[in-house]
Amino acid sequence: MSYRGVSNWPPIWTQGTEKNRKIVKDEVGILRYVHDVNPASNKIYLVIEYEKEHYVGTLIFDDVKLCHQMTDLFQHHMNRPIEKIGDIDLSYTL
């Protein structure tokens, strides 16, 4: 998956305010919530739980249709490890 030719997976997971921000990178945590902004949006917000704290990651896509397909996929994999979700074969989306 990519946005403007740059890989968008895994997202950078952030928490907190601009002055006191925690950042986690990699396929960590458990997917707890999926939110797409609106039907015309190309963004998905994912919330994970990692080490008993919640983090938000944003995925942006070039294609709105793919964004909606990915939203559905993530919603079907709630409460699963991000690492396992990252292992899903997405070749059908090409």
PDB file of N, CA and C in Angstrom:
ATOM      1  N   MET A   1       0.848  -1.172   0.000  1.00  0.00           N
ATOM      2  CA  MET A   1       0.000   0.000   0.000  1.00  0.00           C
ATOM      3  C   MET A   1       0.890   1.230   0.000  1.00  0.00           C
ATOM      4  N   SER A   2       0.399   2.256  -0.705  1.00  0.00           N
ATOM      5  CA  SER A   2       1.208   3.472  -0.768  1.00  0.00           C
ATOM      6  C   SER A   2       0.337   4.691  -1.023  1.00  0.00           C
ATOM      7  N   TYR A   3       0.939   5.838  -0.796  1.00  0.00           N
ATOM      8  CA  TYR A   3       0.333   7.123  -1.110  1.00  0.00           C
ATOM      9  C   TYR A   3       1.393   7.941  -1.821  1.00  0.00           C
ATOM     10  N   ARG A   4       1.077   8.341  -3.048  1.00  0.00           N
ATOM     11  CA  ARG A   4       2.014   9.090  -3.887  1.00  0.00           C
ATOM     12  C   ARG A   4       3.361   8.380  -4.022  1.00  0.00           C
ATOM     13  N   GLY A   5       3.291   7.061  -4.145  1.00  0.00           N
ATOM     14  CA  GLY A   5       4.484   6.268  -4.376  1.00  0.00           C
ATOM     15  C   GLY A   5       5.302   5.932  -3.141  1.00  0.00           C
ATOM     16  N   VAL A   6       4.844   6.350  -1.971  1.00  0.00           N
ATOM     17  CA  VAL A   6       5.569   6.082  -0.721  1.00  0.00           C
ATOM     18  C   VAL A   6       4.735   5.122   0.123  1.00  0.00           C
ATOM     19  N   SER A   7       5.375   4.086   0.640  1.00  0.00           N
ATOM     20  CA  SER A   7       4.668   3.111   1.469  1.00  0.00           C
ATOM     21  C   SER A   7       3.961   3.803   2.632  1.00  0.00           C
ATOM     22  N   ASN A   8       2.714   3.416   2.882  1.00  0.00           N
ATOM     23  CA  ASN A   8       1.973   3.999   4.006  1.00  0.00           C
ATOM     24  C   ASN A   8       1.723   2.986   5.132  1.00  0.00           C
ATOM     25  N   TRP A   9       2.368   1.820   5.013  1.00  0.00           N
ATOM     26  CA  TRP A   9       2.201   0.787   6.048  1.00  0.00           C
ATOM     27  C   TRP A   9       3.534   0.370   6.603  1.00  0.00           C
ATOM     28  N   PRO A  10       3.646   0.202   7.893  1.00  0.00           N
ATOM     29  CA  PRO A  10       2.664   0.576   8.900  1.00  0.00           C
ATOM     30  C   PRO A  10       2.666   2.084   9.109  1.00  0.00           C
ATOM     31  N   PRO A  11       1.547   2.620   9.582  1.00  0.00           N
ATOM     32  CA  PRO A  11       1.537   4.055   9.872  1.00  0.00           C
ATOM     33  C   PRO A  11       2.422   4.354  11.083  1.00  0.00           C
ATOM     34  N   ILE A  12       2.720   5.605  11.261  1.00  0.00           N
ATOM     35  CA  ILE A  12       3.408   6.034  12.482  1.00  0.00           C
ATOM     36  C   ILE A  12       2.328   6.219  13.539  1.00  0.00           C
ATOM     37  N   TRP A  13       2.484   5.560  14.653  1.00  0.00           N
ATOM     38  CA  TRP A  13       1.489   5.589  15.727  1.00  0.00           C
ATOM     39  C   TRP A  13       1.851   6.709  16.687  1.00  0.00           C
ATOM     40  N   THR A  14       0.913   7.627  16.944  1.00  0.00           N
ATOM     41  CA  THR A  14       1.198   8.761  17.824  1.00  0.00           C
ATOM     42  C   THR A  14       0.175   8.838  18.944  1.00  0.00           C
ATOM     43  N   GLN A  15       0.597   9.517  20.000  1.00  0.00           N
ATOM     44  CA  GLN A  15      -0.250   9.699  21.169  1.00  0.00           C
ATOM     45  C   GLN A  15       0.143  10.995  21.844  1.00  0.00           C
ATOM     46  N   GLY A  16      -0.835  11.683  22.387  1.00  0.00           N
ATOM     47  CA  GLY A  16      -0.538  12.845  23.198  1.00  0.00           C
ATOM     48  C   GLY A  16      -0.661  14.164  22.467  1.00  0.00           C
ATOM     49  N   THR A  17      -0.137  15.182  23.106  1.00  0.00           N
ATOM     50  CA  THR A  17      -0.194  16.537  22.565  1.00  0.00           C
ATOM     51  C   THR A  17       1.094  16.854  21.824  1.00  0.00           C
ATOM     52  N   GLU A  18       1.089  17.980  21.145  1.00  0.00           N
ATOM     53  CA  GLU A  18       2.280  18.360  20.385  1.00  0.00           C
ATOM     54  C   GLU A  18       3.500  18.548  21.290  1.00  0.00           C
ATOM     55  N   LYS A  19       3.285  19.021  22.512  1.00  0.00           N
ATOM     56  CA  LYS A  19       4.396  19.228  23.433  1.00  0.00           C
ATOM     57  C   LYS A  19       4.852  17.948  24.116  1.00  0.00           C
ATOM     58  N   ASN A  20       3.951  17.004  24.257  1.00  0.00           N
ATOM     59  CA  ASN A  20       4.257  15.761  24.965  1.00  0.00           C
ATOM     60  C   ASN A  20       3.765  14.587  24.126  1.00  0.00           C
ATOM     61  N   ARG A  21       4.472  14.294  23.061  1.00  0.00           N
ATOM     62  CA  ARG A  21       4.017  13.295  22.097  1.00  0.00           C
ATOM     63  C   ARG A  21       4.850  12.027  22.196  1.00  0.00           C
ATOM     64  N   LYS A  22       4.150  10.886  22.185  1.00  0.00           N
ATOM     65  CA  LYS A  22       4.813   9.588  22.094  1.00  0.00           C
ATOM     66  C   LYS A  22       4.623   9.070  20.677  1.00  0.00           C
ATOM     67  N   ILE A  23       5.658   8.472  20.127  1.00  0.00           N
ATOM     68  CA  ILE A  23       5.600   7.919  18.783  1.00  0.00           C
ATOM     69  C   ILE A  23       6.090   6.482  18.818  1.00  0.00           C
ATOM     70  N   VAL A  24       5.358   5.603  18.115  1.00  0.00           N
ATOM     71  CA  VAL A  24       5.743   4.209  17.986  1.00  0.00           C
ATOM     72  C   VAL A  24       5.738   3.870  16.501  1.00  0.00           C
ATOM     73  N   LYS A  25       6.769   3.188  16.065  1.00  0.00           N
ATOM     74  CA  LYS A  25       6.834   2.749  14.676  1.00  0.00           C
ATOM     75  C   LYS A  25       6.870   1.230  14.645  1.00  0.00           C
ATOM     76  N   ASP A  26       6.369   0.647  13.588  1.00  0.00           N
ATOM     77  CA  ASP A  26       6.400  -0.794  13.365  1.00  0.00           C
ATOM     78  C   ASP A  26       4.994  -1.380  13.498  1.00  0.00           C
ATOM     79  N   GLU A  27       4.899  -2.652  13.231  1.00  0.00           N
ATOM     80  CA  GLU A  27       3.628  -3.379  13.318  1.00  0.00           C
ATOM     81  C   GLU A  27       3.443  -3.885  14.747  1.00  0.00           C
ATOM     82  N   VAL A  28       2.968  -2.993  15.605  1.00  0.00           N
ATOM     83  CA  VAL A  28       2.807  -3.325  17.022  1.00  0.00           C
ATOM     84  C   VAL A  28       1.360  -3.091  17.448  1.00  0.00           C
ATOM     85  N   GLY A  29       0.992  -3.682  18.557  1.00  0.00           N
ATOM     86  CA  GLY A  29      -0.295  -3.417  19.167  1.00  0.00           C
ATOM     87  C   GLY A  29      -1.449  -4.209  18.577  1.00  0.00           C
ATOM     88  N   ILE A  30      -2.617  -3.926  19.124  1.00  0.00           N
ATOM     89  CA  ILE A  30      -3.872  -4.575  18.743  1.00  0.00           C
ATOM     90  C   ILE A  30      -4.799  -3.500  18.170  1.00  0.00           C
ATOM     91  N   LEU A  31      -5.402  -3.786  17.022  1.00  0.00           N
ATOM     92  CA  LEU A  31      -6.330  -2.829  16.412  1.00  0.00           C
ATOM     93  C   LEU A  31      -7.600  -2.751  17.240  1.00  0.00           C
ATOM     94  N   ARG A  32      -7.932  -1.552  17.696  1.00  0.00           N
ATOM     95  CA  ARG A  32      -9.110  -1.370  18.546  1.00  0.00           C
ATOM     96  C   ARG A  32     -10.232  -0.585  17.874  1.00  0.00           C
ATOM     97  N   TYR A  33      -9.901   0.299  16.919  1.00  0.00           N
ATOM     98  CA  TYR A  33     -10.934   1.146  16.325  1.00  0.00           C
ATOM     99  C   TYR A  33     -10.502   1.580  14.934  1.00  0.00           C
ATOM    100  N   VAL A  34     -11.477   1.680  14.029  1.00  0.00           N
ATOM    101  CA  VAL A  34     -11.243   2.121  12.653  1.00  0.00           C
ATOM    102  C   VAL A  34     -12.216   3.253  12.357  1.00  0.00           C
ATOM    103  N   HIS A  35     -11.715   4.352  11.797  1.00  0.00           N
ATOM    104  CA  HIS A  35     -12.583   5.481  11.468  1.00  0.00           C
ATOM    105  C   HIS A  35     -12.184   6.050  10.116  1.00  0.00           C
ATOM    106  N   ASP A  36     -13.155   6.094   9.194  1.00  0.00           N
ATOM    107  CA  ASP A  36     -12.908   6.821   7.955  1.00  0.00           C
ATOM    108  C   ASP A  36     -13.671   8.140   8.059  1.00  0.00           C
ATOM    109  N   VAL A  37     -13.093   9.178   7.534  1.00  0.00           N
ATOM    110  CA  VAL A  37     -13.599  10.532   7.754  1.00  0.00           C
ATOM    111  C   VAL A  37     -14.981  10.733   7.119  1.00  0.00           C
ATOM    112  N   ASN A  38     -15.116  10.446   5.838  1.00  0.00           N
ATOM    113  CA  ASN A  38     -16.387  10.572   5.140  1.00  0.00           C
ATOM    114  C   ASN A  38     -16.297   9.816   3.814  1.00  0.00           C
ATOM    115  N   PRO A  39     -17.400   9.635   3.117  1.00  0.00           N
ATOM    116  CA  PRO A  39     -17.378   8.828   1.888  1.00  0.00           C
ATOM    117  C   PRO A  39     -16.430   9.331   0.802  1.00  0.00           C
ATOM    118  N   ALA A  40     -16.137  10.615   0.778  1.00  0.00           N
ATOM    119  CA  ALA A  40     -15.259  11.165  -0.262  1.00  0.00           C
ATOM    120  C   ALA A  40     -13.799  11.216   0.184  1.00  0.00           C
ATOM    121  N   SER A  41     -13.521  10.793   1.401  1.00  0.00           N
ATOM    122  CA  SER A  41     -12.173  10.911   1.950  1.00  0.00           C
ATOM    123  C   SER A  41     -11.266   9.770   1.499  1.00  0.00           C
ATOM    124  N   ASN A  42      -9.986  10.066   1.469  1.00  0.00           N
ATOM    125  CA  ASN A  42      -8.980   9.054   1.157  1.00  0.00           C
ATOM    126  C   ASN A  42      -8.137   8.731   2.389  1.00  0.00           C
ATOM    127  N   LYS A  43      -8.689   9.008   3.596  1.00  0.00           N
ATOM    128  CA  LYS A  43      -7.963   8.781   4.851  1.00  0.00           C
ATOM    129  C   LYS A  43      -8.710   7.813   5.755  1.00  0.00           C
ATOM    130  N   ILE A  44      -7.917   7.011   6.455  1.00  0.00           N
ATOM    131  CA  ILE A  44      -8.437   6.130   7.500  1.00  0.00           C
ATOM    132  C   ILE A  44      -7.628   6.404   8.765  1.00  0.00           C
ATOM    133  N   TYR A  45      -8.320   6.479   9.879  1.00  0.00           N
ATOM    134  CA  TYR A  45      -7.650   6.594  11.173  1.00  0.00           C
ATOM    135  C   TYR A  45      -7.797   5.263  11.901  1.00  0.00           C
ATOM    136  N   LEU A  46      -6.688   4.737  12.379  1.00  0.00           N
ATOM    137  CA  LEU A  46      -6.680   3.484  13.121  1.00  0.00           C
ATOM    138  C   LEU A  46      -6.238   3.766  14.549  1.00  0.00           C
ATOM    139  N   VAL A  47      -6.892   3.134  15.496  1.00  0.00           N
ATOM    140  CA  VAL A  47      -6.502   3.248  16.900  1.00  0.00           C
ATOM    141  C   VAL A  47      -6.040   1.878  17.350  1.00  0.00           C
ATOM    142  N   ILE A  48      -4.845   1.839  17.927  1.00  0.00           N
ATOM    143  CA  ILE A  48      -4.321   0.588  18.461  1.00  0.00           C
ATOM    144  C   ILE A  48      -4.119   0.712  19.962  1.00  0.00           C
ATOM    145  N   GLU A  49      -4.059  -0.434  20.593  1.00  0.00           N
ATOM    146  CA  GLU A  49      -3.659  -0.500  21.992  1.00  0.00           C
ATOM    147  C   GLU A  49      -2.292  -1.168  22.025  1.00  0.00           C
ATOM    148  N   TYR A  50      -1.339  -0.485  22.642  1.00  0.00           N
ATOM    149  CA  TYR A  50       0.029  -0.994  22.733  1.00  0.00           C
ATOM    150  C   TYR A  50       0.568  -0.664  24.113  1.00  0.00           C
ATOM    151  N   GLU A  51       0.999  -1.676  24.826  1.00  0.00           N
ATOM    152  CA  GLU A  51       1.508  -1.530  26.195  1.00  0.00           C
ATOM    153  C   GLU A  51       0.528  -0.747  27.073  1.00  0.00           C
ATOM    154  N   LYS A  52      -0.756  -1.132  26.976  1.00  0.00           N
ATOM    155  CA  LYS A  52      -1.846  -0.579  27.783  1.00  0.00           C
ATOM    156  C   LYS A  52      -2.126   0.898  27.506  1.00  0.00           C
ATOM    157  N   GLU A  53      -1.701   1.397  26.345  1.00  0.00           N
ATOM    158  CA  GLU A  53      -1.985   2.774  25.948  1.00  0.00           C
ATOM    159  C   GLU A  53      -2.518   2.774  24.520  1.00  0.00           C
ATOM    160  N   HIS A  54      -3.257   3.822  24.178  1.00  0.00           N
ATOM    161  CA  HIS A  54      -3.832   3.928  22.841  1.00  0.00           C
ATOM    162  C   HIS A  54      -3.030   4.903  21.982  1.00  0.00           C
ATOM    163  N   TYR A  55      -2.878   4.539  20.709  1.00  0.00           N
ATOM    164  CA  TYR A  55      -2.157   5.336  19.724  1.00  0.00           C
ATOM    165  C   TYR A  55      -3.005   5.424  18.457  1.00  0.00           C
ATOM    166  N   VAL A  56      -2.835   6.517  17.720  1.00  0.00           N
ATOM    167  CA  VAL A  56      -3.568   6.718  16.476  1.00  0.00           C
ATOM    168  C   VAL A  56      -2.582   6.728  15.316  1.00  0.00           C
ATOM    169  N   GLY A  57      -2.974   6.050  14.239  1.00  0.00           N
ATOM    170  CA  GLY A  57      -2.202   6.071  13.004  1.00  0.00           C
ATOM    171  C   GLY A  57      -3.123   6.466  11.859  1.00  0.00           C
ATOM    172  N   THR A  58      -2.584   7.175  10.873  1.00  0.00           N
ATOM    173  CA  THR A  58      -3.366   7.616   9.725  1.00  0.00           C
ATOM    174  C   THR A  58      -2.831   6.973   8.461  1.00  0.00           C
ATOM    175  N   LEU A  59      -3.745   6.442   7.653  1.00  0.00           N
ATOM    176  CA  LEU A  59      -3.390   5.923   6.338  1.00  0.00           C
ATOM    177  C   LEU A  59      -4.062   6.806   5.294  1.00  0.00           C
ATOM    178  N   ILE A  60      -3.296   7.235   4.304  1.00  0.00           N
ATOM    179  CA  ILE A  60      -3.821   8.047   3.204  1.00  0.00           C
ATOM    180  C   ILE A  60      -3.580   7.267   1.917  1.00  0.00           C
ATOM    181  N   PHE A  61      -4.575   7.278   1.037  1.00  0.00           N
ATOM    182  CA  PHE A  61      -4.501   6.529  -0.211  1.00  0.00           C
ATOM    183  C   PHE A  61      -4.689   7.447  -1.408  1.00  0.00           C
ATOM    184  N   ASP A  62      -4.107   7.077  -2.541  1.00  0.00           N
ATOM    185  CA  ASP A  62      -4.320   7.805  -3.787  1.00  0.00           C
ATOM    186  C   ASP A  62      -5.745   7.600  -4.293  1.00  0.00           C
ATOM    187  N   ASP A  63      -6.311   6.430  -4.036  1.00  0.00           N
ATOM    188  CA  ASP A  63      -7.594   6.018  -4.595  1.00  0.00           C
ATOM    189  C   ASP A  63      -8.643   5.903  -3.491  1.00  0.00           C
ATOM    190  N   VAL A  64      -9.736   6.653  -3.627  1.00  0.00           N
ATOM    191  CA  VAL A  64     -10.799   6.631  -2.615  1.00  0.00           C
ATOM    192  C   VAL A  64     -11.449   5.249  -2.522  1.00  0.00           C
ATOM    193  N   LYS A  65     -11.628   4.579  -3.655  1.00  0.00           N
ATOM    194  CA  LYS A  65     -12.244   3.243  -3.646  1.00  0.00           C
ATOM    195  C   LYS A  65     -11.390   2.257  -2.843  1.00  0.00           C
ATOM    196  N   LEU A  66     -10.072   2.295  -3.049  1.00  0.00           N
ATOM    197  CA  LEU A  66      -9.171   1.436  -2.275  1.00  0.00           C
ATOM    198  C   LEU A  66      -9.251   1.792  -0.795  1.00  0.00           C
ATOM    199  N   CYS A  67      -9.360   3.058  -0.500  1.00  0.00           N
ATOM    200  CA  CYS A  67      -9.477   3.497   0.900  1.00  0.00           C
ATOM    201  C   CYS A  67     -10.687   2.835   1.559  1.00  0.00           C
ATOM    202  N   HIS A  68     -11.819   2.803   0.846  1.00  0.00           N
ATOM    203  CA  HIS A  68     -13.020   2.181   1.410  1.00  0.00           C
ATOM    204  C   HIS A  68     -12.867   0.664   1.541  1.00  0.00           C
ATOM    205  N   GLN A  69     -12.195   0.046   0.576  1.00  0.00           N
ATOM    206  CA  GLN A  69     -11.938  -1.398   0.675  1.00  0.00           C
ATOM    207  C   GLN A  69     -11.080  -1.689   1.900  1.00  0.00           C
ATOM    208  N   MET A  70     -10.078  -0.856   2.123  1.00  0.00           N
ATOM    209  CA  MET A  70      -9.191  -1.062   3.274  1.00  0.00           C
ATOM    210  C   MET A  70      -9.926  -0.804   4.589  1.00  0.00           C
ATOM    211  N   THR A  71     -10.815   0.184   4.602  1.00  0.00           N
ATOM    212  CA  THR A  71     -11.615   0.432   5.806  1.00  0.00           C
ATOM    213  C   THR A  71     -12.415  -0.812   6.159  1.00  0.00           C
ATOM    214  N   ASP A  72     -13.068  -1.413   5.160  1.00  0.00           N
ATOM    215  CA  ASP A  72     -13.837  -2.638   5.399  1.00  0.00           C
ATOM    216  C   ASP A  72     -12.939  -3.757   5.918  1.00  0.00           C
ATOM    217  N   LEU A  73     -11.770  -3.907   5.298  1.00  0.00           N
ATOM    218  CA  LEU A  73     -10.837  -4.952   5.732  1.00  0.00           C
ATOM    219  C   LEU A  73     -10.436  -4.740   7.196  1.00  0.00           C
ATOM    220  N   PHE A  74     -10.049  -3.517   7.540  1.00  0.00           N
ATOM    221  CA  PHE A  74      -9.636  -3.248   8.921  1.00  0.00           C
ATOM    222  C   PHE A  74     -10.787  -3.483   9.896  1.00  0.00           C
ATOM    223  N   GLN A  75     -11.998  -3.094   9.521  1.00  0.00           N
ATOM    224  CA  GLN A  75     -13.132  -3.291  10.416  1.00  0.00           C
ATOM    225  C   GLN A  75     -13.400  -4.778  10.667  1.00  0.00           C
ATOM    226  N   HIS A  76     -13.089  -5.616   9.698  1.00  0.00           N
ATOM    227  CA  HIS A  76     -13.263  -7.057   9.874  1.00  0.00           C
ATOM    228  C   HIS A  76     -12.125  -7.698  10.679  1.00  0.00           C
ATOM    229  N   HIS A  77     -11.101  -6.924  10.974  1.00  0.00           N
ATOM    230  CA  HIS A  77      -9.958  -7.465  11.718  1.00  0.00           C
ATOM    231  C   HIS A  77      -9.707  -6.722  13.035  1.00  0.00           C
ATOM    232  N   MET A  78     -10.768  -6.120  13.553  1.00  0.00           N
ATOM    233  CA  MET A  78     -10.648  -5.433  14.836  1.00  0.00           C
ATOM    234  C   MET A  78     -10.246  -6.438  15.912  1.00  0.00           C
ATOM    235  N   ASN A  79      -9.508  -5.966  16.888  1.00  0.00           N
ATOM    236  CA  ASN A  79      -9.044  -6.764  18.030  1.00  0.00           C
ATOM    237  C   ASN A  79      -8.026  -7.828  17.642  1.00  0.00           C
ATOM    238  N   ARG A  80      -7.409  -7.650  16.503  1.00  0.00           N
ATOM    239  CA  ARG A  80      -6.333  -8.547  16.064  1.00  0.00           C
ATOM    240  C   ARG A  80      -5.012  -7.791  16.108  1.00  0.00           C
ATOM    241  N   PRO A  81      -3.911  -8.509  16.234  1.00  0.00           N
ATOM    242  CA  PRO A  81      -2.600  -7.849  16.226  1.00  0.00           C
ATOM    243  C   PRO A  81      -2.318  -7.169  14.879  1.00  0.00           C
ATOM    244  N   ILE A  82      -1.764  -5.998  14.933  1.00  0.00           N
ATOM    245  CA  ILE A  82      -1.393  -5.259  13.722  1.00  0.00           C
ATOM    246  C   ILE A  82      -0.413  -6.081  12.882  1.00  0.00           C
ATOM    247  N   GLU A  83       0.470  -6.791  13.521  1.00  0.00           N
ATOM    248  CA  GLU A  83       1.434  -7.624  12.789  1.00  0.00           C
ATOM    249  C   GLU A  83       0.714  -8.652  11.913  1.00  0.00           C
ATOM    250  N   LYS A  84      -0.336  -9.266  12.445  1.00  0.00           N
ATOM    251  CA  LYS A  84      -1.101 -10.261  11.680  1.00  0.00           C
ATOM    252  C   LYS A  84      -1.874  -9.589  10.544  1.00  0.00           C
ATOM    253  N   ILE A  85      -2.414  -8.410  10.806  1.00  0.00           N
ATOM    254  CA  ILE A  85      -3.126  -7.676   9.775  1.00  0.00           C
ATOM    255  C   ILE A  85      -2.152  -7.301   8.651  1.00  0.00           C
ATOM    256  N   GLY A  86      -0.949  -6.917   9.016  1.00  0.00           N
ATOM    257  CA  GLY A  86       0.071  -6.571   8.027  1.00  0.00           C
ATOM    258  C   GLY A  86       0.484  -7.747   7.146  1.00  0.00           C
ATOM    259  N   ASP A  87       0.243  -8.962   7.624  1.00  0.00           N
ATOM    260  CA  ASP A  87       0.588 -10.165   6.847  1.00  0.00           C
ATOM    261  C   ASP A  87      -0.470 -10.574   5.826  1.00  0.00           C
ATOM    262  N   ILE A  88      -1.609  -9.881   5.822  1.00  0.00           N
ATOM    263  CA  ILE A  88      -2.705 -10.240   4.914  1.00  0.00           C
ATOM    264  C   ILE A  88      -2.279  -9.958   3.469  1.00  0.00           C
ATOM    265  N   ASP A  89      -2.559 -10.902   2.588  1.00  0.00           N
ATOM    266  CA  ASP A  89      -2.247 -10.754   1.156  1.00  0.00           C
ATOM    267  C   ASP A  89      -3.254  -9.784   0.531  1.00  0.00           C
ATOM    268  N   LEU A  90      -2.770  -8.655   0.032  1.00  0.00           N
ATOM    269  CA  LEU A  90      -3.630  -7.650  -0.572  1.00  0.00           C
ATOM    270  C   LEU A  90      -3.475  -7.574  -2.078  1.00  0.00           C
ATOM    271  N   SER A  91      -2.911  -8.608  -2.691  1.00  0.00           N
ATOM    272  CA  SER A  91      -2.678  -8.565  -4.123  1.00  0.00           C
ATOM    273  C   SER A  91      -3.974  -8.418  -4.916  1.00  0.00           C
ATOM    274  N   TYR A  92      -5.099  -8.801  -4.349  1.00  0.00           N
ATOM    275  CA  TYR A  92      -6.387  -8.660  -5.041  1.00  0.00           C
ATOM    276  C   TYR A  92      -6.767  -7.206  -5.260  1.00  0.00           C
ATOM    277  N   THR A  93      -6.179  -6.277  -4.524  1.00  0.00           N
ATOM    278  CA  THR A  93      -6.515  -4.867  -4.655  1.00  0.00           C
ATOM    279  C   THR A  93      -5.809  -4.189  -5.814  1.00  0.00           C
ATOM    280  N   LEU A  94      -4.854  -4.875  -6.432  1.00  0.00           N
ATOM    281  CA  LEU A  94      -4.094  -4.267  -7.522  1.00  0.00           C
ATOM    282  C   LEU A  94      -4.923  -4.139  -8.785  1.00  0.00           C
TER     283      LEU A  94
END
